[in-house]
Protein backbone atom coordinates (compact mmCIF):
# COMPACT_ATOMS: atom_id res chain seq x y z
CA ARG A 1 0.00 0.00 0.00
CA TYR A 2 2.96 2.31 0.41
CA PRO A 3 4.04 4.44 -2.57
CA LYS A 4 7.17 3.20 -4.29
CA ASN A 5 10.25 5.29 -3.69
CA THR A 6 13.03 4.27 -6.06
CA THR A 7 15.64 6.40 -4.33
CA SER A 8 15.01 4.68 -0.99
CA ILE A 9 15.10 1.25 -2.64
CA LEU A 10 18.40 2.07 -4.38
CA GLY A 11 19.84 3.47 -1.15
CA SER A 12 18.74 0.38 0.79
CA ALA A 13 20.32 -1.87 -1.84
CA ALA A 14 23.58 0.11 -1.58
CA PHE A 15 23.46 -0.20 2.22
CA PHE A 16 23.04 -3.97 2.09
CA PHE A 17 25.71 -4.32 -0.60
CA CYS A 18 28.15 -2.43 1.62
CA LEU A 19 27.04 -4.33 4.73
CA PHE A 20 27.79 -7.73 3.21
CA ASN A 21 30.78 -6.69 1.08
CA PRO A 22 32.36 -3.32 1.98
CA ASN A 23 34.79 -3.62 -0.95
CA CYS A 24 31.92 -3.46 -3.45
CA VAL A 25 32.31 0.32 -3.64
CA PHE A 26 35.61 -0.31 -5.44
CA GLN A 27 34.16 -2.80 -7.95
CA ILE A 28 33.46 -1.35 -11.38
CA GLY A 29 30.41 -3.57 -11.96
CA THR A 30 28.69 -2.34 -8.80
CA ILE A 31 29.39 1.31 -9.60
CA LEU A 32 28.13 0.94 -13.17
CA SER A 33 25.01 -0.92 -12.01
CA PHE A 34 24.05 1.75 -9.48
CA LEU A 35 24.74 4.59 -11.93
CA SER A 36 22.65 2.86 -14.61
CA VAL A 37 19.70 2.18 -12.32
CA PHE A 38 19.80 5.76 -11.07
CA CYS A 39 19.77 7.06 -14.66
CA ILE A 40 16.81 4.86 -15.52
CA TYR A 41 15.04 6.18 -12.43
CA ALA A 42 15.86 9.81 -13.25
CA VAL A 43 15.14 9.87 -16.99
CA SER A 44 12.21 7.50 -17.58
CA PRO A 45 9.59 9.38 -15.51
CA LEU A 46 10.45 12.64 -17.27
CA LEU A 47 9.61 11.08 -20.63
CA HIS A 48 6.16 9.93 -19.53
CA LYS A 49 5.04 13.50 -19.00
CA GLU A 50 2.00 14.45 -21.05
CA GLU A 51 3.79 17.35 -22.78
CA VAL A 52 6.42 15.00 -24.20
CA THR A 53 4.18 12.11 -25.24
CA ARG A 54 1.43 14.29 -26.71
CA SER A 55 3.63 15.40 -29.62
CA LEU A 56 4.72 11.87 -30.60
CA PRO A 57 2.91 10.06 -33.44
CA GLY A 58 2.59 6.68 -31.73
CA LYS A 59 3.67 4.23 -29.08
CA LEU A 60 6.61 2.99 -31.17
CA ALA A 61 8.10 6.48 -31.45
CA GLU A 62 7.52 7.06 -27.73
CA SER A 63 9.26 3.79 -26.84
CA ALA A 64 12.18 4.51 -29.20
CA LEU A 65 12.61 8.01 -27.78
CA GLN A 66 12.49 6.70 -24.23
CA ASN A 67 15.06 3.94 -24.91
CA ALA A 68 17.38 6.34 -26.73
CA SER A 69 17.16 8.97 -23.99
CA VAL A 70 17.76 6.46 -21.19
CA SER A 71 20.65 4.92 -23.12
CA LEU A 72 22.25 8.32 -23.71
CA CYS A 73 21.80 9.27 -20.05
CA ILE A 74 23.37 5.99 -18.90
CA SER A 75 26.27 6.48 -21.32
CA VAL A 76 26.92 10.02 -20.06
CA ALA A 77 26.67 9.04 -16.37
CA THR A 78 28.91 6.00 -16.70
CA LEU A 79 31.38 7.73 -19.03
CA PRO A 80 33.93 8.73 -16.34
CA VAL A 81 34.01 5.18 -14.94
CA MET A 82 34.34 3.59 -18.39
CA THR A 83 37.04 6.09 -19.36
CA LEU A 84 39.08 5.32 -16.25
CA LEU A 85 38.61 1.59 -16.80
CA ASN A 86 39.47 1.51 -20.52
CA GLY A 87 41.66 4.57 -21.02
CA PHE A 88 39.47 5.73 -23.91
CA ILE A 89 35.91 6.78 -24.73
CA PRO A 90 34.15 4.29 -27.02
CA LEU A 91 31.95 6.24 -29.45
CA LEU A 92 29.64 3.31 -30.25
CA ALA A 93 28.74 2.69 -26.59
CA PRO A 94 25.43 4.63 -26.69
CA VAL A 95 24.34 2.75 -29.82
CA CYS A 96 25.26 -0.59 -28.27
CA SER A 97 23.32 0.33 -25.13
CA LEU A 98 20.23 0.66 -27.33
CA LEU A 99 20.81 -2.93 -28.46
CA VAL A 100 21.13 -4.19 -24.89
CA LEU A 101 18.39 -2.31 -22.99
CA PRO A 102 15.41 -4.16 -24.52
CA VAL A 103 16.74 -7.61 -23.55
CA MET A 104 17.70 -6.76 -19.96
CA PRO A 105 14.27 -7.54 -18.39
CA ALA A 106 14.21 -10.94 -20.13
CA VAL A 107 17.75 -11.72 -18.94
CA LEU A 108 16.78 -10.81 -15.38
CA VAL A 109 13.64 -12.98 -15.37
CA LEU A 110 15.34 -15.94 -17.06
CA GLY A 111 18.35 -15.67 -14.75
CA LEU A 112 16.15 -15.68 -11.65
CA MET A 113 14.14 -18.64 -12.97
CA ALA A 114 17.32 -20.57 -13.75
CA ALA A 115 18.67 -19.83 -10.26
CA VAL A 116 15.46 -21.00 -8.60
CA LEU A 117 15.16 -24.15 -10.72
CA GLY A 118 18.85 -24.96 -10.32
CA GLY A 119 20.46 -27.81 -12.22
CA SER A 120 17.18 -29.61 -12.93
CA PHE A 121 16.00 -30.21 -16.48
CA PRO A 122 13.62 -27.18 -16.47
CA GLY A 123 16.44 -25.06 -15.05
CA LYS A 124 18.72 -26.11 -17.89
CA LEU A 125 15.98 -25.35 -20.45
CA VAL A 126 15.50 -21.87 -19.00
CA GLY A 127 19.28 -21.40 -18.97
CA ILE A 128 19.58 -21.83 -22.75
CA PRO A 129 17.81 -18.58 -23.75
CA ALA A 130 19.45 -16.82 -20.80
CA ARG A 131 22.90 -17.79 -22.12
CA LEU A 132 21.94 -16.68 -25.63
CA LEU A 133 20.83 -13.28 -24.38
CA ILE A 134 23.95 -12.90 -22.25
CA GLY A 135 25.97 -13.74 -25.38
CA TRP A 136 24.09 -10.94 -27.18
CA ILE A 137 24.99 -8.50 -24.38
CA ARG A 138 28.67 -9.51 -24.54
CA PHE A 139 28.68 -9.20 -28.33
CA SER A 140 27.15 -5.71 -28.08
CA ALA A 141 29.73 -4.65 -25.48
CA ASP A 142 32.60 -5.99 -27.60
CA PHE A 143 31.17 -4.28 -30.68
CA GLY A 144 30.99 -0.98 -28.79
CA ASN A 145 34.63 -1.29 -27.76
CA MET A 146 35.76 -2.20 -31.30
CA GLY A 147 34.43 0.99 -32.84
CA PRO A 148 36.13 4.37 -33.00
CA LYS A 149 37.64 5.61 -29.76
CA ILE A 150 38.82 8.90 -28.32
CA PRO A 151 42.02 8.34 -26.27
CA LEU A 152 42.40 10.04 -22.92
CA GLY A 153 44.23 13.35 -22.94
CA GLY A 154 43.41 14.35 -26.53
CA ALA A 155 42.09 17.76 -27.61
CA LEU A 156 38.90 16.16 -28.92
CA LEU A 157 38.26 14.65 -25.48
CA ARG A 158 38.65 18.02 -23.76
CA THR A 159 36.30 19.67 -26.26
CA GLY A 160 33.74 16.88 -25.94
CA THR A 161 33.87 16.97 -22.14
CA ALA A 162 33.39 20.73 -22.15
CA ALA A 163 30.44 20.38 -24.54
CA VAL A 164 28.79 17.71 -22.36
CA LEU A 165 29.30 19.80 -19.21
CA ALA A 166 27.87 22.87 -20.95
CA LEU A 167 24.86 20.86 -22.16
CA LEU A 168 24.23 19.41 -18.69
CA THR A 169 24.56 22.86 -17.07
CA LEU A 170 22.20 24.43 -19.60
CA SER A 171 19.69 21.59 -19.11
CA ALA A 172 19.82 22.03 -15.33
CA VAL A 173 19.26 25.80 -15.64
CA ILE A 174 16.32 25.36 -18.04
CA TYR A 175 14.80 22.65 -15.85
CA GLY A 176 15.23 24.82 -12.73
CA ILE A 177 13.61 27.84 -14.42
CA ARG A 178 10.73 25.67 -15.57
CA ARG A 179 10.20 24.28 -12.05
CA LEU A 180 10.26 27.81 -10.61
CA SER A 181 7.75 29.02 -13.19
CA LEU A 182 5.40 26.17 -12.25
CA HIS A 183 5.50 27.32 -8.63
CA ARG A 184 5.37 31.08 -9.21
CA LYS A 185 2.37 31.34 -6.88
CA LEU A 186 4.82 30.87 -4.00
CA PHE A 187 6.77 33.98 -4.99
């Protein structure tokens, strides 16, 4: 009966992760997972606003816009971690994220079913499509890393970073002005 609060759920998950394994804050996978879930939480509700969806021609365009926006947000938020890990910025990463996002719910459900069913025959049957989808995710990640890259320390990287920071700052200012204008009765 209680309203869902994604921030509290994410914070509780982080607390339990750190409680059982304090070193998880240094693991790249944990950091990327929390950043990605936070981006999904932050971007998806904004795209379901009536002003945004009213101008779209159909559900397919709405879904494509939502997936692309979430993928871009995840790529931007995880960019510093990926850059430190790889030593370069993969330019195909946002495109590859679009290939991976639609299969993630199926991988999660199949993985949980395979874990519950264990090594039994039904568990092995459920594991087959799960392995295929995980193979697809690995292929997409490898494809993203094979594409063009911007090495750390280059002039293009500094220009791109400045452009992203300027875009994020401008977006925050516009969003803040819009929120203030919605509550102008208070002023």
